[in-house]
Amino acid sequence: MPLLCLPSRLARVLLVGAGLVGLAAWCPVRPGIVLGASMEPTLHPGQPFLYARDAASRHAVGRGDVVVLHVHGETLIKRIYALGGDVVWTAALRADPDTRFPLSLGAPIDQCRRRYPGMIFERVIVPRDCLYVVGENNGSVDSRDFGPVPASGVRGRVITVAADPGVPAVGFRVPPAPKRHASATTPAAAPA
């Protein structure tokens, strides 16, 4: 191999690499892989997904959206439960006050307190420009643990997921939240 070809090849490799980096920075959709179990049963560890970076503005996401966000130095995937200005009530058994379940927005708290005296109810007002995010799994570390998070931490909204790990993420949509959260008249049940 002649020595004069090496700089030319290196230049091409560097040019292609710079082009790919530029394309990735410009592209509005990014791939991701679910790493933890906090979103089970909706999303499973190892499951690929795509997220839209243009949804990172606080006006492009809403209640029920699954988002990729940066919180306390970690990248997480959670569902938006409440927006800035919303009042969130959580319920917990007195025997296990650390395991809190969010109630439906607008739940009649006075009625719940009378009906379920063995439960502790906590009120959280989500500050403006913040979100209350939850995982689907009861063991999820989320806003029930660290409180509302800044909306500016949202990196994007999940737009599609693969059916199973190893299946291309084309043509699938984000499933809706499971119906495990409390209804407007009853607090959430404790795990078995």
C-alpha atoms as a PDB file:
ATOM      1  CA  MET A   1       0.000   0.000   0.000  1.00  0.00           C
ATOM      2  CA  PRO A   2       1.528   3.330  -1.009  1.00  0.00           C
ATOM      3  CA  LEU A   3       1.959   5.876   1.767  1.00  0.00           C
ATOM      4  CA  LEU A   4       0.189   8.547  -0.290  1.00  0.00           C
ATOM      5  CA  CYS A   5      -3.145   6.625  -0.143  1.00  0.00           C
ATOM      6  CA  LEU A   6      -3.329   6.584   3.638  1.00  0.00           C
ATOM      7  CA  PRO A   7      -4.119  10.300   4.138  1.00  0.00           C
ATOM      8  CA  SER A   8      -6.707  10.168   1.345  1.00  0.00           C
ATOM      9  CA  ARG A   9      -8.435   7.134   2.929  1.00  0.00           C
ATOM     10  CA  LEU A  10      -8.259   8.696   6.368  1.00  0.00           C
ATOM     11  CA  ALA A  11      -9.772  11.880   4.995  1.00  0.00           C
ATOM     12  CA  ARG A  12     -12.678   9.913   3.468  1.00  0.00           C
ATOM     13  CA  VAL A  13     -13.299   8.018   6.711  1.00  0.00           C
ATOM     14  CA  LEU A  14     -13.256  11.250   8.697  1.00  0.00           C
ATOM     15  CA  LEU A  15     -15.557  12.938   6.195  1.00  0.00           C
ATOM     16  CA  VAL A  16     -18.073  10.068   6.265  1.00  0.00           C
ATOM     17  CA  GLY A  17     -17.886   9.940  10.085  1.00  0.00           C
ATOM     18  CA  ALA A  18     -18.505  13.675  10.366  1.00  0.00           C
ATOM     19  CA  GLY A  19     -21.433  13.343   7.960  1.00  0.00           C
ATOM     20  CA  LEU A  20     -23.013  10.579  10.045  1.00  0.00           C
ATOM     21  CA  VAL A  21     -22.587  12.572  13.242  1.00  0.00           C
ATOM     22  CA  GLY A  22     -24.153  15.596  11.568  1.00  0.00           C
ATOM     23  CA  LEU A  23     -27.042  13.506  10.267  1.00  0.00           C
ATOM     24  CA  ALA A  24     -27.664  12.034  13.732  1.00  0.00           C
ATOM     25  CA  ALA A  25     -27.689  15.507  15.285  1.00  0.00           C
ATOM     26  CA  TRP A  26     -30.168  16.733  12.654  1.00  0.00           C
ATOM     27  CA  CYS A  27     -32.488  13.694  12.625  1.00  0.00           C
ATOM     28  CA  PRO A  28     -35.709  14.313  14.601  1.00  0.00           C
ATOM     29  CA  VAL A  29     -36.130  10.612  15.516  1.00  0.00           C
ATOM     30  CA  ARG A  30     -33.738   8.619  17.678  1.00  0.00           C
ATOM     31  CA  PRO A  31     -33.649   4.921  18.609  1.00  0.00           C
ATOM     32  CA  GLY A  32     -33.523   3.631  22.174  1.00  0.00           C
ATOM     33  CA  ILE A  33     -33.644   0.383  24.112  1.00  0.00           C
ATOM     34  CA  VAL A  34     -35.553  -0.118  27.353  1.00  0.00           C
ATOM     35  CA  LEU A  35     -33.039  -1.017  30.064  1.00  0.00           C
ATOM     36  CA  GLY A  36     -35.089  -1.438  33.250  1.00  0.00           C
ATOM     37  CA  ALA A  37     -38.366  -3.003  34.313  1.00  0.00           C
ATOM     38  CA  SER A  38     -40.043   0.197  35.569  1.00  0.00           C
ATOM     39  CA  MET A  39     -42.397   0.392  32.574  1.00  0.00           C
ATOM     40  CA  GLU A  40     -43.536  -3.248  32.624  1.00  0.00           C
ATOM     41  CA  PRO A  41     -46.010  -4.518  31.483  1.00  0.00           C
ATOM     42  CA  THR A  42     -46.125  -1.802  28.780  1.00  0.00           C
ATOM     43  CA  LEU A  43     -42.419  -1.838  27.875  1.00  0.00           C
ATOM     44  CA  HIS A  44     -40.015  -4.692  28.596  1.00  0.00           C
ATOM     45  CA  PRO A  45     -36.247  -4.669  29.187  1.00  0.00           C
ATOM     46  CA  GLY A  46     -34.426  -5.010  25.872  1.00  0.00           C
ATOM     47  CA  GLN A  47     -37.381  -3.725  23.848  1.00  0.00           C
ATOM     48  CA  PRO A  48     -36.341  -1.249  21.112  1.00  0.00           C
ATOM     49  CA  PHE A  49     -38.246   2.003  20.613  1.00  0.00           C
ATOM     50  CA  LEU A  50     -38.061   5.240  18.632  1.00  0.00           C
ATOM     51  CA  TYR A  51     -38.559   8.655  20.173  1.00  0.00           C
ATOM     52  CA  ALA A  52     -39.244  12.014  18.553  1.00  0.00           C
ATOM     53  CA  ARG A  53     -36.867  14.717  19.712  1.00  0.00           C
ATOM     54  CA  ASP A  54     -39.107  17.507  18.403  1.00  0.00           C
ATOM     55  CA  ALA A  55     -41.557  16.546  21.161  1.00  0.00           C
ATOM     56  CA  ALA A  56     -39.055  17.716  23.752  1.00  0.00           C
ATOM     57  CA  SER A  57     -40.756  21.078  24.091  1.00  0.00           C
ATOM     58  CA  ARG A  58     -43.177  21.115  26.995  1.00  0.00           C
ATOM     59  CA  HIS A  59     -46.037  22.035  24.647  1.00  0.00           C
ATOM     60  CA  ALA A  60     -45.594  18.881  22.540  1.00  0.00           C
ATOM     61  CA  VAL A  61     -46.177  16.362  25.344  1.00  0.00           C
ATOM     62  CA  GLY A  62     -49.289  15.631  27.360  1.00  0.00           C
ATOM     63  CA  ARG A  63     -50.832  13.371  29.960  1.00  0.00           C
ATOM     64  CA  GLY A  64     -50.397   9.729  29.051  1.00  0.00           C
ATOM     65  CA  ASP A  65     -47.389  10.240  26.765  1.00  0.00           C
ATOM     66  CA  VAL A  66     -44.386   7.987  27.326  1.00  0.00           C
ATOM     67  CA  VAL A  67     -41.263  10.152  27.348  1.00  0.00           C
ATOM     68  CA  VAL A  68     -37.501   9.852  27.538  1.00  0.00           C
ATOM     69  CA  LEU A  69     -36.233  12.305  30.140  1.00  0.00           C
ATOM     70  CA  HIS A  70     -33.082  13.288  31.948  1.00  0.00           C
ATOM     71  CA  VAL A  71     -33.538  13.431  35.752  1.00  0.00           C
ATOM     72  CA  HIS A  72     -30.822  13.742  38.409  1.00  0.00           C
ATOM     73  CA  GLY A  73     -28.096  12.708  35.955  1.00  0.00           C
ATOM     74  CA  GLU A  74     -29.978   9.631  34.672  1.00  0.00           C
ATOM     75  CA  THR A  75     -31.910   9.011  31.472  1.00  0.00           C
ATOM     76  CA  LEU A  76     -35.312   7.488  32.240  1.00  0.00           C
ATOM     77  CA  ILE A  77     -38.387   6.387  30.322  1.00  0.00           C
ATOM     78  CA  LYS A  78     -41.683   7.173  32.114  1.00  0.00           C
ATOM     79  CA  ARG A  79     -45.314   8.041  31.443  1.00  0.00           C
ATOM     80  CA  ILE A  80     -46.547  11.584  32.058  1.00  0.00           C
ATOM     81  CA  TYR A  81     -49.254  11.417  34.699  1.00  0.00           C
ATOM     82  CA  ALA A  82     -49.813  15.138  35.367  1.00  0.00           C
ATOM     83  CA  LEU A  83     -48.741  18.515  34.006  1.00  0.00           C
ATOM     84  CA  GLY A  84     -47.736  21.765  35.676  1.00  0.00           C
ATOM     85  CA  GLY A  85     -50.612  23.193  37.731  1.00  0.00           C
ATOM     86  CA  ASP A  86     -52.309  19.811  38.270  1.00  0.00           C
ATOM     87  CA  VAL A  87     -53.049  18.482  41.751  1.00  0.00           C
ATOM     88  CA  VAL A  88     -52.008  14.856  42.236  1.00  0.00           C
ATOM     89  CA  TRP A  89     -53.259  12.785  45.170  1.00  0.00           C
ATOM     90  CA  THR A  90     -51.480   9.611  46.163  1.00  0.00           C
ATOM     91  CA  ALA A  91     -52.752   6.899  48.482  1.00  0.00           C
ATOM     92  CA  ALA A  92     -50.826   4.433  50.626  1.00  0.00           C
ATOM     93  CA  LEU A  93     -51.704   1.870  53.268  1.00  0.00           C
ATOM     94  CA  ARG A  94     -50.736   3.004  56.768  1.00  0.00           C
ATOM     95  CA  ALA A  95     -48.837  -0.286  57.117  1.00  0.00           C
ATOM     96  CA  ASP A  96     -46.726   0.538  54.026  1.00  0.00           C
ATOM     97  CA  PRO A  97     -46.559   4.333  53.604  1.00  0.00           C
ATOM     98  CA  ASP A  98     -43.597   4.152  51.201  1.00  0.00           C
ATOM     99  CA  THR A  99     -45.660   2.414  48.498  1.00  0.00           C
ATOM    100  CA  ARG A 100     -47.849   5.168  47.075  1.00  0.00           C
ATOM    101  CA  PHE A 101     -50.303   4.929  44.216  1.00  0.00           C
ATOM    102  CA  PRO A 102     -51.551   7.985  42.315  1.00  0.00           C
ATOM    103  CA  LEU A 103     -55.310   8.478  42.277  1.00  0.00           C
ATOM    104  CA  SER A 104     -57.176   9.624  39.197  1.00  0.00           C
ATOM    105  CA  LEU A 105     -56.964  13.361  38.628  1.00  0.00           C
ATOM    106  CA  GLY A 106     -60.053  14.951  40.144  1.00  0.00           C
ATOM    107  CA  ALA A 107     -60.758  12.030  42.506  1.00  0.00           C
ATOM    108  CA  PRO A 108     -63.153  12.980  45.375  1.00  0.00           C
ATOM    109  CA  ILE A 109     -60.594  12.887  48.203  1.00  0.00           C
ATOM    110  CA  ASP A 110     -63.017  13.610  51.047  1.00  0.00           C
ATOM    111  CA  GLN A 111     -65.138  10.641  49.980  1.00  0.00           C
ATOM    112  CA  CYS A 112     -62.023   8.454  49.697  1.00  0.00           C
ATOM    113  CA  ARG A 113     -60.844   9.461  53.188  1.00  0.00           C
ATOM    114  CA  ARG A 114     -64.211   8.560  54.722  1.00  0.00           C
ATOM    115  CA  ARG A 115     -64.456   5.301  52.822  1.00  0.00           C
ATOM    116  CA  TYR A 116     -60.831   4.182  53.403  1.00  0.00           C
ATOM    117  CA  PRO A 117     -59.700   5.369  56.860  1.00  0.00           C
ATOM    118  CA  GLY A 118     -56.757   2.926  56.817  1.00  0.00           C
ATOM    119  CA  MET A 119     -55.072   4.813  54.002  1.00  0.00           C
ATOM    120  CA  ILE A 120     -52.788   7.835  53.965  1.00  0.00           C
ATOM    121  CA  PHE A 121     -53.511  10.451  51.300  1.00  0.00           C
ATOM    122  CA  GLU A 122     -50.892  12.939  50.153  1.00  0.00           C
ATOM    123  CA  ARG A 123     -51.460  15.979  47.944  1.00  0.00           C
ATOM    124  CA  VAL A 124     -48.843  17.188  45.468  1.00  0.00           C
ATOM    125  CA  ILE A 125     -49.272  20.348  43.416  1.00  0.00           C
ATOM    126  CA  VAL A 126     -47.187  20.026  40.259  1.00  0.00           C
ATOM    127  CA  PRO A 127     -45.266  23.302  39.777  1.00  0.00           C
ATOM    128  CA  ARG A 128     -45.515  25.227  36.519  1.00  0.00           C
ATOM    129  CA  ASP A 129     -43.048  23.942  33.885  1.00  0.00           C
ATOM    130  CA  CYS A 130     -42.814  20.577  35.692  1.00  0.00           C
ATOM    131  CA  LEU A 131     -44.253  17.116  35.092  1.00  0.00           C
ATOM    132  CA  TYR A 132     -45.356  14.294  37.380  1.00  0.00           C
ATOM    133  CA  VAL A 133     -44.065  11.083  35.781  1.00  0.00           C
ATOM    134  CA  VAL A 134     -44.713   7.478  36.771  1.00  0.00           C
ATOM    135  CA  GLY A 135     -43.548   4.048  35.743  1.00  0.00           C
ATOM    136  CA  GLU A 136     -46.076   1.309  35.096  1.00  0.00           C
ATOM    137  CA  ASN A 137     -44.439  -1.125  37.509  1.00  0.00           C
ATOM    138  CA  ASN A 138     -45.241  -0.836  41.229  1.00  0.00           C
ATOM    139  CA  GLY A 139     -41.508  -0.930  42.001  1.00  0.00           C
ATOM    140  CA  SER A 140     -40.742   2.006  39.694  1.00  0.00           C
ATOM    141  CA  VAL A 141     -38.702   4.907  41.023  1.00  0.00           C
ATOM    142  CA  ASP A 142     -40.528   7.976  39.735  1.00  0.00           C
ATOM    143  CA  SER A 143     -42.250  11.200  40.833  1.00  0.00           C
ATOM    144  CA  ARG A 144     -43.800   9.334  43.763  1.00  0.00           C
ATOM    145  CA  ASP A 145     -40.227   9.096  45.074  1.00  0.00           C
ATOM    146  CA  PHE A 146     -38.379  12.154  43.734  1.00  0.00           C
ATOM    147  CA  GLY A 147     -41.319  14.518  43.122  1.00  0.00           C
ATOM    148  CA  PRO A 148     -42.234  16.482  40.004  1.00  0.00           C
ATOM    149  CA  VAL A 149     -39.483  16.888  37.400  1.00  0.00           C
ATOM    150  CA  PRO A 150     -38.653  19.888  35.178  1.00  0.00           C
ATOM    151  CA  ALA A 151     -40.315  19.678  31.772  1.00  0.00           C
ATOM    152  CA  SER A 152     -37.009  20.871  30.334  1.00  0.00           C
ATOM    153  CA  GLY A 153     -35.593  17.411  31.129  1.00  0.00           C
ATOM    154  CA  VAL A 154     -37.775  15.765  28.472  1.00  0.00           C
ATOM    155  CA  ARG A 155     -35.589  14.545  25.601  1.00  0.00           C
ATOM    156  CA  GLY A 156     -38.427  13.225  23.452  1.00  0.00           C
ATOM    157  CA  ARG A 157     -41.748  11.397  23.224  1.00  0.00           C
ATOM    158  CA  VAL A 158     -41.770   7.671  22.467  1.00  0.00           C
ATOM    159  CA  ILE A 159     -43.539   7.284  19.130  1.00  0.00           C
ATOM    160  CA  THR A 160     -43.190   3.590  18.378  1.00  0.00           C
ATOM    161  CA  VAL A 161     -42.036   0.380  20.028  1.00  0.00           C
ATOM    162  CA  ALA A 162     -41.260  -3.104  18.762  1.00  0.00           C
ATOM    163  CA  ALA A 163     -43.648  -5.885  19.735  1.00  0.00           C
ATOM    164  CA  ASP A 164     -40.872  -7.967  21.309  1.00  0.00           C
ATOM    165  CA  PRO A 165     -37.122  -7.571  21.746  1.00  0.00           C
ATOM    166  CA  GLY A 166     -35.496  -8.307  18.411  1.00  0.00           C
ATOM    167  CA  VAL A 167     -38.488  -7.234  16.278  1.00  0.00           C
ATOM    168  CA  PRO A 168     -38.050  -4.100  14.147  1.00  0.00           C
ATOM    169  CA  ALA A 169     -39.930  -1.090  15.591  1.00  0.00           C
ATOM    170  CA  VAL A 170     -41.778  -0.293  12.363  1.00  0.00           C
ATOM    171  CA  GLY A 171     -45.549  -0.026  12.405  1.00  0.00           C
ATOM    172  CA  PHE A 172     -46.095  -0.422  16.140  1.00  0.00           C
ATOM    173  CA  ARG A 173     -47.526   2.275  18.390  1.00  0.00           C
ATOM    174  CA  VAL A 174     -46.986   3.006  22.071  1.00  0.00           C
ATOM    175  CA  PRO A 175     -49.587   1.011  24.014  1.00  0.00           C
ATOM    176  CA  PRO A 176     -51.936   2.943  26.300  1.00  0.00           C
ATOM    177  CA  ALA A 177     -51.356   2.950  30.037  1.00  0.00           C
ATOM    178  CA  PRO A 178     -52.704  -0.133  31.814  1.00  0.00           C
ATOM    179  CA  LYS A 179     -55.844   0.371  33.892  1.00  0.00           C
ATOM    180  CA  ARG A 180     -54.120  -0.257  37.224  1.00  0.00           C
ATOM    181  CA  HIS A 181     -54.506   3.300  38.510  1.00  0.00           C
ATOM    182  CA  ALA A 182     -57.424   4.046  40.801  1.00  0.00           C
ATOM    183  CA  SER A 183     -60.760   5.144  39.432  1.00  0.00           C
ATOM    184  CA  ALA A 184     -62.307   8.462  40.409  1.00  0.00           C
ATOM    185  CA  THR A 185     -64.159   6.885  43.338  1.00  0.00           C
ATOM    186  CA  THR A 186     -61.781   4.336  44.812  1.00  0.00           C
ATOM    187  CA  PRO A 187     -58.149   4.531  45.881  1.00  0.00           C
ATOM    188  CA  ALA A 188     -55.601   2.202  44.356  1.00  0.00           C
ATOM    189  CA  ALA A 189     -55.305  -1.254  45.835  1.00  0.00           C
ATOM    190  CA  ALA A 190     -52.125  -2.302  47.545  1.00  0.00           C
ATOM    191  CA  PRO A 191     -49.973  -4.960  45.886  1.00  0.00           C
ATOM    192  CA  ALA A 192     -50.409  -8.519  47.057  1.00  0.00           C
END
